C-alpha atoms as a PDB file:
ATOM      1  CA  MET A   1     296.882  72.737 -82.577  1.00  0.00           C
ATOM      2  CA  ALA A   2     294.766  75.333 -81.527  1.00  0.00           C
ATOM      3  CA  THR A   3     290.815  75.196 -82.590  1.00  0.00           C
ATOM      4  CA  PRO A   4     290.052  78.486 -84.673  1.00  0.00           C
ATOM      5  CA  ALA A   5     288.110  81.031 -83.971  1.00  0.00           C
ATOM      6  CA  PRO A   6     284.675  81.180 -84.966  1.00  0.00           C
ATOM      7  CA  ASP A   7     284.581  83.889 -87.627  1.00  0.00           C
ATOM      8  CA  ILE A   8     282.039  86.336 -85.856  1.00  0.00           C
ATOM      9  CA  GLU A   9     281.255  88.064 -89.346  1.00  0.00           C
ATOM     10  CA  ALA A  10     279.775  84.847 -90.839  1.00  0.00           C
ATOM     11  CA  MET A  11     277.777  84.075 -87.586  1.00  0.00           C
ATOM     12  CA  LEU A  12     276.245  87.459 -87.802  1.00  0.00           C
ATOM     13  CA  GLU A  13     275.723  86.487 -91.381  1.00  0.00           C
ATOM     14  CA  ALA A  14     274.056  83.532 -90.684  1.00  0.00           C
ATOM     15  CA  SER A  15     271.801  84.612 -87.823  1.00  0.00           C
ATOM     16  CA  VAL A  16     270.656  87.354 -90.424  1.00  0.00           C
ATOM     17  CA  LYS A  17     268.920  85.026 -92.169  1.00  0.00           C
ATOM     18  CA  THR A  18     267.518  83.250 -89.885  1.00  0.00           C
ATOM     19  CA  PHE A  19     265.755  86.476 -88.420  1.00  0.00           C
ATOM     20  CA  TRP A  20     264.626  87.346 -91.755  1.00  0.00           C
ATOM     21  CA  LYS A  21     263.785  84.026 -92.911  1.00  0.00           C
ATOM     22  CA  ARG A  22     261.498  83.690 -89.929  1.00  0.00           C
ATOM     23  CA  GLY A  23     261.190  86.693 -88.035  1.00  0.00           C
ATOM     24  CA  TYR A  24     262.314  87.340 -84.614  1.00  0.00           C
ATOM     25  CA  GLU A  25     259.594  85.720 -82.443  1.00  0.00           C
ATOM     26  CA  ALA A  26     259.736  82.863 -84.329  1.00  0.00           C
ATOM     27  CA  THR A  27     263.336  82.213 -84.458  1.00  0.00           C
ATOM     28  CA  SER A  28     264.516  80.229 -81.597  1.00  0.00           C
ATOM     29  CA  PHE A  29     268.535  80.261 -79.852  1.00  0.00           C
ATOM     30  CA  ASP A  30     268.428  76.947 -81.358  1.00  0.00           C
ATOM     31  CA  ASP A  31     267.850  78.103 -84.641  1.00  0.00           C
ATOM     32  CA  ILE A  32     270.350  80.581 -84.873  1.00  0.00           C
ATOM     33  CA  VAL A  33     272.966  77.765 -83.496  1.00  0.00           C
ATOM     34  CA  THR A  34     272.208  75.688 -85.844  1.00  0.00           C
ATOM     35  CA  ALA A  35     272.573  78.228 -88.486  1.00  0.00           C
ATOM     36  CA  MET A  36     276.243  79.712 -87.297  1.00  0.00           C
ATOM     37  CA  GLY A  37     277.188  75.976 -87.083  1.00  0.00           C
ATOM     38  CA  VAL A  38     278.999  76.923 -83.999  1.00  0.00           C
ATOM     39  CA  SER A  39     278.404  75.589 -79.956  1.00  0.00           C
ATOM     40  CA  ARG A  40     275.524  76.963 -77.918  1.00  0.00           C
ATOM     41  CA  GLU A  41     278.279  78.024 -75.534  1.00  0.00           C
ATOM     42  CA  PHE A  42     279.996  79.997 -77.683  1.00  0.00           C
ATOM     43  CA  VAL A  43     276.900  81.718 -78.558  1.00  0.00           C
ATOM     44  CA  GLU A  44     275.492  82.507 -75.099  1.00  0.00           C
ATOM     45  CA  ASP A  45     279.535  83.354 -74.308  1.00  0.00           C
ATOM     46  CA  THR A  46     279.351  85.914 -77.184  1.00  0.00           C
ATOM     47  CA  PHE A  47     275.883  87.484 -76.965  1.00  0.00           C
ATOM     48  CA  SER A  48     274.021  87.673 -73.853  1.00  0.00           C
ATOM     49  CA  SER A  49     270.633  87.622 -75.328  1.00  0.00           C
ATOM     50  CA  LYS A  50     268.773  86.242 -78.294  1.00  0.00           C
ATOM     51  CA  GLU A  51     267.700  90.226 -78.519  1.00  0.00           C
ATOM     52  CA  ASP A  52     271.309  91.220 -77.975  1.00  0.00           C
ATOM     53  CA  LEU A  53     272.499  89.255 -80.981  1.00  0.00           C
ATOM     54  CA  TYR A  54     269.379  90.371 -82.911  1.00  0.00           C
ATOM     55  CA  VAL A  55     270.399  93.927 -82.670  1.00  0.00           C
ATOM     56  CA  ALA A  56     274.257  92.560 -83.575  1.00  0.00           C
ATOM     57  CA  ALA A  57     273.045  91.029 -86.486  1.00  0.00           C
ATOM     58  CA  THR A  58     270.924  93.952 -87.599  1.00  0.00           C
ATOM     59  CA  ARG A  59     273.896  96.024 -87.095  1.00  0.00           C
ATOM     60  CA  TRP A  60     276.078  94.419 -89.148  1.00  0.00           C
ATOM     61  CA  TYR A  61     273.576  93.621 -91.987  1.00  0.00           C
ATOM     62  CA  ILE A  62     272.765  98.185 -92.133  1.00  0.00           C
ATOM     63  CA  ARG A  63     276.806  98.243 -91.936  1.00  0.00           C
ATOM     64  CA  ASN A  64     277.144  95.879 -95.030  1.00  0.00           C
ATOM     65  CA  TYR A  65     274.382  97.054 -97.163  1.00  0.00           C
ATOM     66  CA  GLY A  66     274.983 100.142 -97.103  1.00  0.00           C
ATOM     67  CA  ARG A  67     278.740  99.826 -97.739  1.00  0.00           C
ATOM     68  CA  ARG A  68     277.826  97.660-100.769  1.00  0.00           C
ATOM     69  CA  LEU A  69     275.324 100.293-101.871  1.00  0.00           C
ATOM     70  CA  LEU A  70     277.824 103.134-101.784  1.00  0.00           C
ATOM     71  CA  SER A  71     280.798 101.078-102.839  1.00  0.00           C
ATOM     72  CA  GLY A  72     280.087 102.389-106.547  1.00  0.00           C
ATOM     73  CA  PHE A  73     279.859 105.773-105.948  1.00  0.00           C
ATOM     74  CA  ALA A  74     283.425 105.556-105.004  1.00  0.00           C
ATOM     75  CA  LEU A  75     284.121 103.922-108.296  1.00  0.00           C
ATOM     76  CA  HIS A  76     282.177 106.336-110.672  1.00  0.00           C
ATOM     77  CA  SER A  77     282.537 110.186-111.335  1.00  0.00           C
ATOM     78  CA  ASN A  78     279.738 110.172-113.643  1.00  0.00           C
ATOM     79  CA  CYS A  79     276.544 110.742-111.746  1.00  0.00           C
ATOM     80  CA  CYS A  80     274.488 108.406-113.994  1.00  0.00           C
ATOM     81  CA  ASP A  81     277.279 105.489-113.694  1.00  0.00           C
ATOM     82  CA  ALA A  82     277.421 106.040-110.196  1.00  0.00           C
ATOM     83  CA  ILE A  83     273.569 105.658-109.355  1.00  0.00           C
ATOM     84  CA  ARG A  84     273.042 103.047-111.627  1.00  0.00           C
ATOM     85  CA  VAL A  85     275.834 100.988-110.160  1.00  0.00           C
ATOM     86  CA  ALA A  86     274.018 101.979-106.596  1.00  0.00           C
ATOM     87  CA  LEU A  87     270.634 100.531-107.895  1.00  0.00           C
ATOM     88  CA  TYR A  88     272.099  97.677-109.210  1.00  0.00           C
ATOM     89  CA  GLU A  89     274.277  96.602-106.169  1.00  0.00           C
ATOM     90  CA  SER A  90     270.962  96.843-104.124  1.00  0.00           C
ATOM     91  CA  VAL A  91     269.202  94.338-106.651  1.00  0.00           C
ATOM     92  CA  ASP A  92     272.280  92.089-106.262  1.00  0.00           C
ATOM     93  CA  VAL A  93     272.001  92.271-102.865  1.00  0.00           C
ATOM     94  CA  LEU A  94     268.268  91.688-102.395  1.00  0.00           C
ATOM     95  CA  CYS A  95     268.124  88.727-105.023  1.00  0.00           C
ATOM     96  CA  GLU A  96     271.201  86.672-103.416  1.00  0.00           C
ATOM     97  CA  LYS A  97     270.699  83.304-104.155  1.00  0.00           C
ATOM     98  CA  ASP A  98     270.021  82.491-100.661  1.00  0.00           C
ATOM     99  CA  ALA A  99     268.310  85.463 -99.404  1.00  0.00           C
ATOM    100  CA  PRO A 100     265.251  84.895 -98.077  1.00  0.00           C
ATOM    101  CA  GLY A 101     263.838  87.797-100.198  1.00  0.00           C
ATOM    102  CA  GLY A 102     262.858  91.505 -99.601  1.00  0.00           C
ATOM    103  CA  CYS A 103     265.263  93.854 -97.837  1.00  0.00           C
ATOM    104  CA  LEU A 104     265.726  93.474 -94.049  1.00  0.00           C
ATOM    105  CA  LEU A 105     265.261  97.044 -93.695  1.00  0.00           C
ATOM    106  CA  SER A 106     261.278  96.937 -94.890  1.00  0.00           C
ATOM    107  CA  SER A 107     260.479  93.572 -94.311  1.00  0.00           C
ATOM    108  CA  GLY A 108     259.453  94.031 -90.500  1.00  0.00           C
ATOM    109  CA  LEU A 109     263.034  94.609 -89.008  1.00  0.00           C
ATOM    110  CA  LEU A 110     262.116  95.598 -85.973  1.00  0.00           C
ATOM    111  CA  GLU A 111     260.327  93.262 -83.820  1.00  0.00           C
ATOM    112  CA  THR A 112     262.147  93.698 -80.523  1.00  0.00           C
ATOM    113  CA  SER A 113     260.441  96.193 -77.928  1.00  0.00           C
ATOM    114  CA  ASN A 114     263.965  97.582 -76.368  1.00  0.00           C
ATOM    115  CA  GLN A 115     265.907  98.379 -78.753  1.00  0.00           C
ATOM    116  CA  ASP A 116     263.126  99.574 -81.512  1.00  0.00           C
ATOM    117  CA  ALA A 117     264.398 103.185 -80.802  1.00  0.00           C
ATOM    118  CA  ILE A 118     268.016 102.614 -81.160  1.00  0.00           C
ATOM    119  CA  LEU A 119     267.742 100.365 -84.751  1.00  0.00           C
ATOM    120  CA  ALA A 120     265.230 102.954 -86.108  1.00  0.00           C
ATOM    121  CA  LYS A 121     267.791 105.758 -85.892  1.00  0.00           C
ATOM    122  CA  GLU A 122     270.409 103.685 -87.100  1.00  0.00           C
ATOM    123  CA  ILE A 123     268.325 102.635 -90.635  1.00  0.00           C
ATOM    124  CA  GLU A 124     267.116 106.366 -90.557  1.00  0.00           C
ATOM    125  CA  GLU A 125     270.853 107.259 -90.239  1.00  0.00           C
ATOM    126  CA  LEU A 126     271.730 105.001 -93.489  1.00  0.00           C
ATOM    127  CA  HIS A 127     268.673 106.231 -95.450  1.00  0.00           C
ATOM    128  CA  ALA A 128     270.097 109.892 -94.788  1.00  0.00           C
ATOM    129  CA  THR A 129     273.869 108.990 -95.444  1.00  0.00           C
ATOM    130  CA  ILE A 130     272.583 107.356 -99.143  1.00  0.00           C
ATOM    131  CA  VAL A 131     270.606 110.589 -99.601  1.00  0.00           C
ATOM    132  CA  THR A 132     273.237 112.995 -99.123  1.00  0.00           C
ATOM    133  CA  ALA A 133     276.040 110.260-101.234  1.00  0.00           C
ATOM    134  CA  ILE A 134     273.329 110.980-103.964  1.00  0.00           C
ATOM    135  CA  SER A 135     273.133 114.282-103.634  1.00  0.00           C
ATOM    136  CA  ARG A 136     276.844 115.613-103.642  1.00  0.00           C
ATOM    137  CA  LYS A 137     277.453 112.925-106.717  1.00  0.00           C
ATOM    138  CA  LEU A 138     274.773 115.077-108.290  1.00  0.00           C
ATOM    139  CA  PHE A 139     276.161 118.522-106.902  1.00  0.00           C
ATOM    140  CA  ASN A 140     279.642 117.063-108.138  1.00  0.00           C
ATOM    141  CA  CYS A 141     278.600 116.540-111.299  1.00  0.00           C
ATOM    142  CA  ARG A 142     276.248 119.783-111.551  1.00  0.00           C
ATOM    143  CA  GLU A 143     277.512 121.008-115.025  1.00  0.00           C
ATOM    144  CA  CYS A 144     276.093 118.100-116.674  1.00  0.00           C
ATOM    145  CA  LEU A 145     272.587 118.996-115.272  1.00  0.00           C
ATOM    146  CA  LYS A 146     270.386 121.597-116.725  1.00  0.00           C
ATOM    147  CA  GLU A 147     270.243 124.706-114.836  1.00  0.00           C
ATOM    148  CA  GLY A 148     267.698 124.904-112.295  1.00  0.00           C
ATOM    149  CA  THR A 149     267.582 121.045-111.759  1.00  0.00           C
ATOM    150  CA  ASP A 150     266.738 120.298-107.871  1.00  0.00           C
ATOM    151  CA  ILE A 151     269.625 117.929-106.904  1.00  0.00           C
ATOM    152  CA  GLU A 152     268.220 117.347-103.582  1.00  0.00           C
ATOM    153  CA  THR A 153     264.330 115.558-104.770  1.00  0.00           C
ATOM    154  CA  VAL A 154     266.614 113.612-107.453  1.00  0.00           C
ATOM    155  CA  ALA A 155     268.301 112.566-104.593  1.00  0.00           C
ATOM    156  CA  ARG A 156     265.552 111.554-102.806  1.00  0.00           C
ATOM    157  CA  PHE A 157     263.904 110.090-105.773  1.00  0.00           C
ATOM    158  CA  TYR A 158     266.281 107.755-105.991  1.00  0.00           C
ATOM    159  CA  ALA A 159     266.560 106.640-102.489  1.00  0.00           C
ATOM    160  CA  ALA A 160     262.683 106.342-103.091  1.00  0.00           C
ATOM    161  CA  VAL A 161     263.578 103.885-105.878  1.00  0.00           C
ATOM    162  CA  LEU A 162     265.818 101.982-103.771  1.00  0.00           C
ATOM    163  CA  GLU A 163     263.262 101.414-101.121  1.00  0.00           C
ATOM    164  CA  GLY A 164     261.017 100.535-103.608  1.00  0.00           C
ATOM    165  CA  VAL A 165     263.252  98.015-105.466  1.00  0.00           C
ATOM    166  CA  ALA A 166     263.691  96.358-101.764  1.00  0.00           C
ATOM    167  CA  SER A 167     259.698  96.426-101.435  1.00  0.00           C
ATOM    168  CA  GLN A 168     259.195  94.643-104.899  1.00  0.00           C
ATOM    169  CA  SER A 169     261.867  92.123-104.126  1.00  0.00           C
ATOM    170  CA  GLY A 170     259.846  91.198-101.096  1.00  0.00           C
ATOM    171  CA  ASN A 171     256.602  91.011-103.183  1.00  0.00           C
ATOM    172  CA  GLY A 172     258.439  88.520-105.520  1.00  0.00           C
ATOM    173  CA  ALA A 173     259.611  90.228-108.115  1.00  0.00           C
ATOM    174  CA  SER A 174     263.024  89.279-110.216  1.00  0.00           C
ATOM    175  CA  LYS A 175     266.190  90.194-110.503  1.00  0.00           C
ATOM    176  CA  GLU A 176     265.533  90.918-113.908  1.00  0.00           C
ATOM    177  CA  GLN A 177     262.605  92.773-113.256  1.00  0.00           C
ATOM    178  CA  LEU A 178     264.347  94.837-110.932  1.00  0.00           C
ATOM    179  CA  TYR A 179     267.227  95.774-113.305  1.00  0.00           C
ATOM    180  CA  ARG A 180     264.377  96.920-115.840  1.00  0.00           C
ATOM    181  CA  VAL A 181     262.561  99.149-112.903  1.00  0.00           C
ATOM    182  CA  VAL A 182     266.137 100.577-112.294  1.00  0.00           C
ATOM    183  CA  ASP A 183     266.754 101.134-116.340  1.00  0.00           C
ATOM    184  CA  LEU A 184     263.478 102.896-116.563  1.00  0.00           C
ATOM    185  CA  SER A 185     264.454 105.209-113.348  1.00  0.00           C
ATOM    186  CA  MET A 186     267.507 106.428-115.152  1.00  0.00           C
ATOM    187  CA  LYS A 187     265.192 107.959-117.671  1.00  0.00           C
ATOM    188  CA  VAL A 188     264.411 110.705-115.242  1.00  0.00           C
ATOM    189  CA  LEU A 189     268.370 111.670-114.350  1.00  0.00           C
ATOM    190  CA  ASP A 190     268.461 111.523-118.104  1.00  0.00           C
ATOM    191  CA  SER A 191     265.567 113.969-118.379  1.00  0.00           C
ATOM    192  CA  TYR A 192     268.121 116.105-116.583  1.00  0.00           C
ATOM    193  CA  ARG A 193     271.332 115.999-118.393  1.00  0.00           C
ATOM    194  CA  ILE A 194     272.303 118.047-120.940  1.00  0.00           C
ATOM    195  CA  SER A 195     272.582 116.476-124.096  1.00  0.00           C
END
């Protein structure tokens, strides 16, 4: 009976958590192999270097973090519900039981010299995607908003809330505290809604 192939997704998730907890420079290749629970040979055959693995892990995180944040937008036609769900999802991601704390995208992620520009561009694209998704949701719900509502600014406000929640998580804020921050931020959108 053949040995099942290692789960690359699980490997990348384990390496993300290791890099996140220790930082790129302080994480050794052996640390990563141990966290992944696979043979060193397999890791070396799959990734050409620690930097290559770091880039792959970061891209995996960017893709999955973005997907989780944006999933609520597809489920809710109401802009308030959609934005609240995305913000709550962000809190859930940041405060997962085994997460080291803080958002990888805002906690010194870019530590490798050769790949900084590539990763920075992908992170910038994720942020732009989030702003665009929020703007689109608000635009589609514009009949529920007061005339003259500056949709782009409101969208950027909620993108800033996302980044702020990530930063506060890294500074030790609890899930309950961050939920309250989200609830408070929703009062801004409520002020633009037609009663």
